[in-house]
Amino acid sequence: MRIPGSFGGDVQAGLLAHRLPLGRNRTPDSQCEGKTVLRKPKSVVGLDIGSSAVKAIELKPAGKGHRVVAFGSEPIPPNAIVDGAIIDAGAVSDAIRRVLESNRAFKTKEACASLSGNAVIVKKITLPVMTEAELADSIHWEAEQYIPFDIQDVNLDYQVLDPGTGPDARGSMEVLLVAAKKEKIADYTGVIAQAGRTPVIVDVDAFALQNAYEINYGLDPNKVVVLMNAGASAININILQGEQSVFTRDVSMGGNAYTEAVQKELDLPFEAAEQLKKGIPVDGATYEEAQPILRAVTENVLLEIQKTFDFFKATAASDQIDHIVLSGGASKVDGFHAMLQERFSAPVEDFDPFKAVTWDSRKLGADSGSIGATAAVAVGLALRRVGDR
């Protein structure tokens, strides 16, 4: 499934509920002596612009799969991005420029980024059955009932989940509606342009995570899988039932909450608290002193995750959760994995975005295990192609 439409002016739509496998997306490029010449869609650099770092990945086709040709990560100064809003555009664009120019293996000029947080609305809506053309004509009017922003201030995208034409149809269809503030799109595409790259696609963190999961693990139509990406300032949650995203939510807590708690309770500078959170010794405090503080923050995080699961179960036909797949730097906080599994009585697995994507440690200069936890969204973005619809 692809979500068509326009998402961000000249930037392509790029919001996916489910990505078609690469190779099935070839489009006519030109005519030559009466024959159609097919050209592979051009790749993009996947740019995961987070509140603590920019991660960049470029992929190339490799047989029936993909291989990583370039990877990089650069830190972003504290408070340059707050709650998903770019506060210091110069600092963010400088980080993007550094990560792409420090590695000559990045060849592609076109880039794909993603959004999350309160500037993005993802909602499943029910509409009367209509044709694709009728839906395209009426979607803005229908969306006004569900979007808590002025419809003129957002860009919309949508995907038909159930056309309502099957044997059990009841005269209604289900549509996944996605809206994002134009201002936020412009902020993110602006810093990419300032860094000398061309922004061509804007996606959503939760859907990029899903793309990376599908390409590495496949999709089981009989299972409900929770994809959970715990970043510095937020946790992206995408609940999949088979190939469909049935519930998404961004929790406004992440790794920074741990750092700030350690900083406050142990009276440490931010950088020292950040190191101690990761188990690295610092002057003035021990890791043993930090551990109960970290566990207390995890309990608060789990309460927010519990609310998300309760919301999902209240609207879903089934309350089952078969599997939780965990990624993001904050997922590595001591005890988070175990406490998550104990709380929700479901198997928890660390997301390996390179399970089926080839990573050559000799050429890339690093082991995939050292960066896998933070690379899932960037991999999902790099799977996109120029011209995706």
Protein backbone atom coordinates (compact mmCIF):
# COMPACT_ATOMS: atom_id res chain seq x y z
CA MET A 1 0.00 0.00 0.00
CA ARG A 2 1.17 3.50 -0.69
CA ILE A 3 -0.37 6.67 0.56
CA PRO A 4 -0.74 9.03 -2.40
CA GLY A 5 -1.19 12.77 -2.34
CA SER A 6 0.93 15.81 -1.56
CA PHE A 7 2.75 16.17 1.73
CA GLY A 8 4.72 19.37 1.94
CA GLY A 9 4.43 21.41 -1.22
CA ASP A 10 7.05 20.20 -3.70
CA VAL A 11 8.05 17.45 -1.29
CA GLN A 12 6.46 14.12 -2.18
CA ALA A 13 3.81 12.52 -0.05
CA GLY A 14 5.76 9.64 1.37
CA LEU A 15 3.56 8.47 4.24
CA LEU A 16 3.42 4.71 4.26
CA ALA A 17 1.26 2.21 6.03
CA HIS A 18 3.05 -0.57 4.18
CA ARG A 19 5.86 -0.44 1.65
CA LEU A 20 5.88 -2.42 -1.60
CA PRO A 21 9.03 -4.53 -1.95
CA LEU A 22 11.76 -2.88 -3.96
CA GLY A 23 11.81 -4.06 -7.54
CA ARG A 24 8.02 -3.97 -7.93
CA ASN A 25 8.16 -0.21 -8.07
CA ARG A 26 9.82 0.30 -11.45
CA THR A 27 8.20 2.97 -13.56
CA PRO A 28 8.51 3.90 -17.25
CA ASP A 29 11.33 6.37 -17.73
CA SER A 30 11.39 6.93 -21.49
CA GLN A 31 10.41 5.54 -24.87
CA CYS A 32 13.09 4.19 -27.22
CA GLU A 33 12.17 2.85 -30.68
CA GLY A 34 8.68 2.04 -29.49
CA LYS A 35 9.88 0.19 -26.38
CA THR A 36 9.47 1.33 -22.81
CA VAL A 37 12.80 1.68 -21.00
CA LEU A 38 12.51 0.89 -17.31
CA ARG A 39 14.83 2.55 -14.86
CA LYS A 40 15.25 1.72 -11.19
CA PRO A 41 13.82 4.42 -8.93
CA LYS A 42 16.57 6.64 -7.55
CA SER A 43 17.63 6.07 -3.96
CA VAL A 44 17.54 8.65 -1.17
CA VAL A 45 19.57 9.28 1.95
CA GLY A 46 17.49 8.42 5.00
CA LEU A 47 17.89 11.27 7.52
CA ASP A 48 16.60 10.60 11.02
CA ILE A 49 16.77 14.09 12.55
CA GLY A 50 16.37 13.45 16.26
CA SER A 51 16.62 15.76 19.24
CA SER A 52 20.04 14.39 20.25
CA ALA A 53 21.61 13.35 16.92
CA VAL A 54 21.23 13.11 13.16
CA LYS A 55 21.53 9.59 11.77
CA ALA A 56 22.04 9.12 8.02
CA ILE A 57 21.94 5.92 5.95
CA GLU A 58 22.17 5.25 2.23
CA LEU A 59 21.15 1.86 0.83
CA LYS A 60 21.63 0.20 -2.53
CA PRO A 61 19.87 -2.85 -4.00
CA ALA A 62 21.84 -6.07 -3.51
CA GLY A 63 20.28 -9.05 -5.26
CA LYS A 64 16.81 -9.40 -3.77
CA GLY A 65 17.73 -7.31 -0.74
CA HIS A 66 19.68 -4.21 0.22
CA ARG A 67 23.13 -3.27 1.49
CA VAL A 68 24.34 -0.27 3.44
CA VAL A 69 26.76 1.85 1.40
CA ALA A 70 27.10 4.71 3.88
CA PHE A 71 26.23 5.43 7.50
CA GLY A 72 26.95 8.33 9.81
CA SER A 73 25.79 9.99 13.01
CA GLU A 74 26.43 13.47 14.39
CA PRO A 75 25.26 14.92 17.71
CA ILE A 76 22.89 17.88 17.84
CA PRO A 77 23.43 20.48 20.58
CA PRO A 78 20.98 20.27 23.51
CA ASN A 79 17.80 22.26 22.95
CA ALA A 80 18.41 22.71 19.21
CA ILE A 81 15.28 20.56 18.77
CA VAL A 82 12.67 20.62 21.53
CA ASP A 83 9.53 18.43 21.41
CA GLY A 84 10.10 17.91 17.70
CA ALA A 85 10.31 21.65 16.96
CA ILE A 86 13.54 22.97 15.42
CA ILE A 87 14.70 25.85 17.63
CA ASP A 88 18.22 26.34 16.23
CA ALA A 89 18.05 25.70 12.47
CA GLY A 90 21.71 26.61 11.97
CA ALA A 91 22.93 24.00 14.47
CA VAL A 92 20.70 21.30 12.97
CA SER A 93 21.72 22.03 9.36
CA ASP A 94 25.39 22.07 10.41
CA ALA A 95 24.97 18.60 11.95
CA ILE A 96 23.34 17.31 8.76
CA ARG A 97 26.13 18.80 6.66
CA ARG A 98 28.82 17.26 8.87
CA VAL A 99 27.32 13.79 8.84
CA LEU A 100 27.00 13.76 5.04
CA GLU A 101 30.26 15.49 4.14
CA SER A 102 32.42 13.53 6.59
CA ASN A 103 31.75 10.32 4.64
CA ARG A 104 32.44 10.40 0.92
CA ALA A 105 30.39 7.23 0.49
CA PHE A 106 27.23 9.37 0.61
CA LYS A 107 26.64 9.98 -3.09
CA THR A 108 22.93 10.76 -3.25
CA LYS A 109 21.82 14.39 -3.02
CA GLU A 110 18.13 13.61 -2.46
CA ALA A 111 17.03 13.05 1.14
CA CYS A 112 14.05 11.62 3.02
CA ALA A 113 13.24 12.83 6.54
CA SER A 114 10.38 12.16 8.95
CA LEU A 115 8.19 13.84 11.53
CA SER A 116 6.54 12.82 14.78
CA GLY A 117 4.93 14.38 17.81
CA ASN A 118 2.00 16.74 18.18
CA ALA A 119 2.44 18.31 14.72
CA VAL A 120 1.42 14.99 13.13
CA ILE A 121 -2.05 13.44 13.33
CA VAL A 122 -2.62 9.80 12.33
CA LYS A 123 -6.22 8.64 12.53
CA LYS A 124 -8.27 5.77 11.12
CA ILE A 125 -11.63 7.06 9.92
CA THR A 126 -14.78 5.44 8.53
CA LEU A 127 -16.41 6.89 5.43
CA PRO A 128 -19.21 5.87 3.07
CA VAL A 129 -17.94 3.68 0.22
CA MET A 130 -16.80 5.84 -2.69
CA THR A 131 -14.55 5.65 -5.72
CA GLU A 132 -10.90 6.70 -5.59
CA ALA A 133 -11.74 9.89 -7.49
CA GLU A 134 -14.60 10.73 -5.14
CA LEU A 135 -12.37 10.16 -2.14
CA ALA A 136 -9.66 12.41 -3.54
CA ASP A 137 -12.23 15.16 -4.10
CA SER A 138 -13.81 14.90 -0.66
CA ILE A 139 -10.90 14.01 1.65
CA HIS A 140 -10.16 17.62 2.68
CA TRP A 141 -13.78 18.20 3.68
CA GLU A 142 -13.93 14.88 5.54
CA ALA A 143 -10.61 15.59 7.28
CA GLU A 144 -11.88 18.85 8.77
CA GLN A 145 -14.01 16.81 11.17
CA TYR A 146 -10.99 14.95 12.55
CA ILE A 147 -8.02 17.33 12.40
CA PRO A 148 -7.66 19.70 15.40
CA PHE A 149 -5.81 22.27 13.26
CA ASP A 150 -6.99 24.71 10.63
CA ILE A 151 -7.18 22.58 7.48
CA GLN A 152 -5.35 25.34 5.58
CA ASP A 153 -2.35 24.93 7.89
CA VAL A 154 -1.77 21.24 7.21
CA ASN A 155 -0.88 18.90 4.39
CA LEU A 156 -2.94 15.74 4.14
CA ASP A 157 -2.26 12.23 3.01
CA TYR A 158 -4.37 9.09 3.20
CA GLN A 159 -4.47 5.37 2.51
CA VAL A 160 -7.52 3.17 1.98
CA LEU A 161 -7.25 0.30 4.46
CA ASP A 162 -10.54 -1.41 3.61
CA PRO A 163 -12.46 -0.31 0.48
CA GLY A 164 -15.67 -1.77 1.89
CA THR A 165 -16.40 -3.80 -1.21
CA GLY A 166 -15.94 -7.31 0.19
CA PRO A 167 -18.64 -9.91 0.89
CA ASP A 168 -19.08 -8.61 4.45
CA ALA A 169 -19.23 -4.94 3.42
CA ARG A 170 -21.62 -2.70 5.34
CA GLY A 171 -21.56 0.31 3.06
CA SER A 172 -18.54 1.91 4.69
CA MET A 173 -14.78 2.03 4.04
CA GLU A 174 -11.80 2.52 6.36
CA VAL A 175 -9.20 5.13 5.55
CA LEU A 176 -5.94 5.97 7.33
CA LEU A 177 -5.74 9.75 7.46
CA VAL A 178 -2.44 11.54 8.11
CA ALA A 179 -1.97 15.29 8.53
CA ALA A 180 1.10 17.36 9.34
CA LYS A 181 1.54 21.07 9.93
CA LYS A 182 2.97 22.86 6.91
CA GLU A 183 5.17 24.92 9.21
CA LYS A 184 6.81 21.81 10.66
CA ILE A 185 7.36 20.32 7.19
CA ALA A 186 8.97 23.58 6.06
CA ASP A 187 11.26 23.63 9.10
CA TYR A 188 12.61 20.14 8.42
CA THR A 189 12.93 20.51 4.65
CA GLY A 190 14.56 23.90 5.23
CA VAL A 191 17.44 22.58 7.34
CA ILE A 192 18.07 19.81 4.81
CA ALA A 193 18.25 22.37 2.00
CA GLN A 194 20.58 24.56 4.09
CA ALA A 195 22.85 21.54 4.43
CA GLY A 196 23.12 21.27 0.64
CA ARG A 197 20.77 18.35 0.09
CA THR A 198 17.43 18.17 -1.72
CA PRO A 199 14.47 17.10 0.47
CA VAL A 200 12.16 15.00 -1.71
CA ILE A 201 10.09 12.92 0.73
CA VAL A 202 8.68 13.55 4.19
CA ASP A 203 7.55 10.46 6.10
CA VAL A 204 6.36 9.74 9.64
CA ASP A 205 8.68 8.12 12.20
CA ALA A 206 6.19 5.35 13.04
CA PHE A 207 5.76 4.37 9.38
CA ALA A 208 9.51 4.48 8.69
CA LEU A 209 9.93 2.11 11.62
CA GLN A 210 7.35 -0.19 10.05
CA ASN A 211 9.16 -0.19 6.70
CA ALA A 212 12.40 -1.21 8.38
CA TYR A 213 10.61 -3.94 10.32
CA GLU A 214 8.88 -5.38 7.27
CA ILE A 215 12.01 -5.54 5.15
CA ASN A 216 13.92 -7.31 7.94
CA TYR A 217 11.29 -9.51 9.58
CA GLY A 218 8.36 -9.78 7.20
CA LEU A 219 4.76 -9.52 8.39
CA ASP A 220 2.63 -12.21 10.03
CA PRO A 221 -1.09 -11.70 9.27
CA ASN A 222 -2.04 -13.53 12.47
CA LYS A 223 0.05 -11.51 14.93
CA VAL A 224 -0.22 -8.15 16.66
CA VAL A 225 3.28 -6.64 16.86
CA VAL A 226 4.20 -3.47 18.74
CA LEU A 227 7.07 -1.46 17.26
CA MET A 228 8.51 0.83 19.93
CA ASN A 229 11.28 3.32 19.23
CA ALA A 230 12.52 5.03 22.40
CA GLY A 231 14.45 8.15 21.43
CA ALA A 232 15.88 11.04 23.42
CA SER A 233 12.67 13.06 23.71
CA ALA A 234 9.85 10.73 22.62
CA ILE A 235 8.79 7.13 22.19
CA ASN A 236 7.20 6.29 18.83
CA ILE A 237 4.70 3.42 19.09
CA ASN A 238 3.21 1.69 16.04
CA ILE A 239 0.93 -1.31 16.58
CA LEU A 240 0.69 -3.62 13.57
CA GLN A 241 -1.96 -6.21 12.86
CA GLY A 242 -0.66 -8.13 9.90
CA GLU A 243 0.39 -5.58 7.31
CA GLN A 244 -1.77 -2.76 8.67
CA SER A 245 -0.85 -0.09 11.16
CA VAL A 246 -3.88 -0.13 13.46
CA PHE A 247 -2.73 2.30 16.16
CA THR A 248 0.06 4.86 16.53
CA ARG A 249 1.02 7.21 19.34
CA ASP A 250 4.04 9.29 20.29
CA VAL A 251 4.76 9.40 24.02
CA SER A 252 6.52 12.64 25.02
CA MET A 253 9.10 10.95 27.23
CA GLY A 254 12.46 9.51 26.32
CA GLY A 255 16.12 9.28 27.19
CA ASN A 256 16.35 12.92 28.24
CA ALA A 257 13.92 12.22 31.09
CA TYR A 258 16.44 9.76 32.54
CA THR A 259 19.31 12.22 32.17
CA GLU A 260 17.37 15.07 33.76
CA ALA A 261 16.30 12.90 36.71
CA VAL A 262 19.88 11.77 37.38
CA GLN A 263 21.09 15.36 36.98
CA LYS A 264 18.56 16.65 39.51
CA GLU A 265 18.77 13.88 42.10
CA LEU A 266 22.57 13.60 42.13
CA ASP A 267 23.33 17.28 41.45
CA LEU A 268 25.40 16.62 38.33
CA PRO A 269 26.03 18.59 35.15
CA PHE A 270 23.91 17.43 32.20
CA GLU A 271 26.83 15.79 30.37
CA ALA A 272 27.94 13.89 33.47
CA ALA A 273 24.39 12.70 34.08
CA GLU A 274 24.18 11.58 30.44
CA GLN A 275 27.35 9.51 30.85
CA LEU A 276 26.27 8.01 34.18
CA LYS A 277 22.92 7.02 32.66
CA LYS A 278 24.86 4.87 30.21
CA GLY A 279 26.92 3.25 33.00
CA ILE A 280 30.07 5.31 32.32
CA PRO A 281 31.82 6.36 35.58
CA VAL A 282 31.86 10.09 36.43
CA ASP A 283 33.19 12.19 39.28
CA GLY A 284 30.74 12.90 42.06
CA ALA A 285 28.41 9.88 41.80
CA THR A 286 28.35 6.13 41.22
CA TYR A 287 26.26 4.09 38.83
CA GLU A 288 24.78 2.24 41.82
CA GLU A 289 23.36 5.56 43.03
CA ALA A 290 21.84 6.22 39.62
CA GLN A 291 20.15 2.84 39.16
CA PRO A 292 17.10 3.40 41.45
CA ILE A 293 16.57 6.79 39.76
CA LEU A 294 16.61 5.14 36.34
CA ARG A 295 14.15 2.48 37.47
CA ALA A 296 11.77 5.15 38.82
CA VAL A 297 11.79 6.94 35.45
CA THR A 298 11.18 3.64 33.67
CA GLU A 299 8.12 3.07 35.85
CA ASN A 300 6.74 6.44 34.71
CA VAL A 301 7.49 5.57 31.08
CA LEU A 302 5.71 2.23 31.46
CA LEU A 303 2.63 4.01 32.80
CA GLU A 304 2.46 6.05 29.58
CA ILE A 305 2.97 2.92 27.49
CA GLN A 306 0.17 1.25 29.49
CA LYS A 307 -2.15 4.15 28.56
CA THR A 308 -1.27 3.63 24.90
CA PHE A 309 -2.07 -0.07 25.07
CA ASP A 310 -5.33 0.67 26.91
CA PHE A 311 -6.34 3.13 24.17
CA PHE A 312 -5.55 0.50 21.55
CA LYS A 313 -7.47 -2.26 23.28
CA ALA A 314 -10.50 0.00 23.74
CA THR A 315 -10.78 0.49 19.97
CA ALA A 316 -9.49 -2.84 18.63
CA ALA A 317 -11.44 -6.01 17.94
CA SER A 318 -8.90 -7.96 20.01
CA ASP A 319 -6.78 -7.04 23.02
CA GLN A 320 -3.92 -9.36 22.12
CA ILE A 321 -0.30 -8.21 21.91
CA ASP A 322 1.92 -11.00 20.65
CA HIS A 323 5.31 -9.36 20.39
CA ILE A 324 7.12 -6.10 21.24
CA VAL A 325 10.08 -5.02 19.10
CA LEU A 326 12.24 -2.39 20.78
CA SER A 327 14.63 0.17 19.29
CA GLY A 328 16.07 3.61 20.06
CA GLY A 329 18.90 4.74 22.31
CA ALA A 330 16.71 5.03 25.42
CA SER A 331 15.79 1.36 25.09
CA LYS A 332 19.31 0.56 26.30
CA VAL A 333 18.76 2.11 29.72
CA ASP A 334 19.49 -0.52 32.35
CA GLY A 335 16.41 -2.60 33.18
CA PHE A 336 14.10 -1.08 30.52
CA HIS A 337 13.89 -4.26 28.42
CA ALA A 338 13.25 -6.55 31.38
CA MET A 339 10.72 -4.25 33.07
CA LEU A 340 8.82 -3.83 29.79
CA GLN A 341 8.58 -7.58 29.29
CA GLU A 342 7.52 -8.19 32.89
CA ARG A 343 4.89 -5.43 32.84
CA PHE A 344 3.14 -6.52 29.64
CA SER A 345 3.74 -10.27 29.66
CA ALA A 346 4.79 -10.29 26.01
CA PRO A 347 8.11 -11.30 24.44
CA VAL A 348 10.36 -8.26 23.92
CA GLU A 349 12.99 -8.35 21.18
CA ASP A 350 15.65 -5.80 20.30
CA PHE A 351 15.07 -4.51 16.76
CA ASP A 352 17.88 -5.48 14.38
CA PRO A 353 17.51 -3.16 11.33
CA PHE A 354 20.34 -5.10 9.65
CA LYS A 355 18.86 -8.56 10.08
CA ALA A 356 18.19 -8.77 6.32
CA VAL A 357 20.06 -5.63 5.22
CA THR A 358 23.70 -6.32 4.46
CA TRP A 359 26.18 -4.50 6.68
CA ASP A 360 29.87 -4.84 5.76
CA SER A 361 31.80 -3.98 8.95
CA ARG A 362 35.11 -3.86 7.08
CA LYS A 363 33.91 -1.26 4.57
CA LEU A 364 31.76 0.74 6.98
CA GLY A 365 34.33 0.82 9.77
CA ALA A 366 31.96 -0.22 12.54
CA ASP A 367 30.03 -3.21 13.79
CA SER A 368 26.29 -3.12 13.10
CA GLY A 369 25.55 -4.15 16.67
CA SER A 370 27.00 -0.90 17.98
CA ILE A 371 24.58 1.29 16.06
CA GLY A 372 21.62 -1.01 15.37
CA ALA A 373 19.50 0.26 18.28
CA THR A 374 19.46 3.82 16.93
CA ALA A 375 19.37 3.13 13.17
CA ALA A 376 15.88 1.65 12.63
CA VAL A 377 14.09 4.86 11.56
CA ALA A 378 16.97 5.90 9.28
CA VAL A 379 16.89 2.48 7.59
CA GLY A 380 13.14 2.78 7.03
CA LEU A 381 13.61 6.22 5.47
CA ALA A 382 16.45 5.03 3.24
CA LEU A 383 14.15 2.35 1.82
CA ARG A 384 12.10 5.08 0.15
CA ARG A 385 12.74 6.02 -3.48
CA VAL A 386 12.42 9.22 -5.47
CA GLY A 387 9.02 9.11 -7.15
CA ASP A 388 7.35 6.99 -4.45
CA ARG A 389 3.58 7.31 -4.48
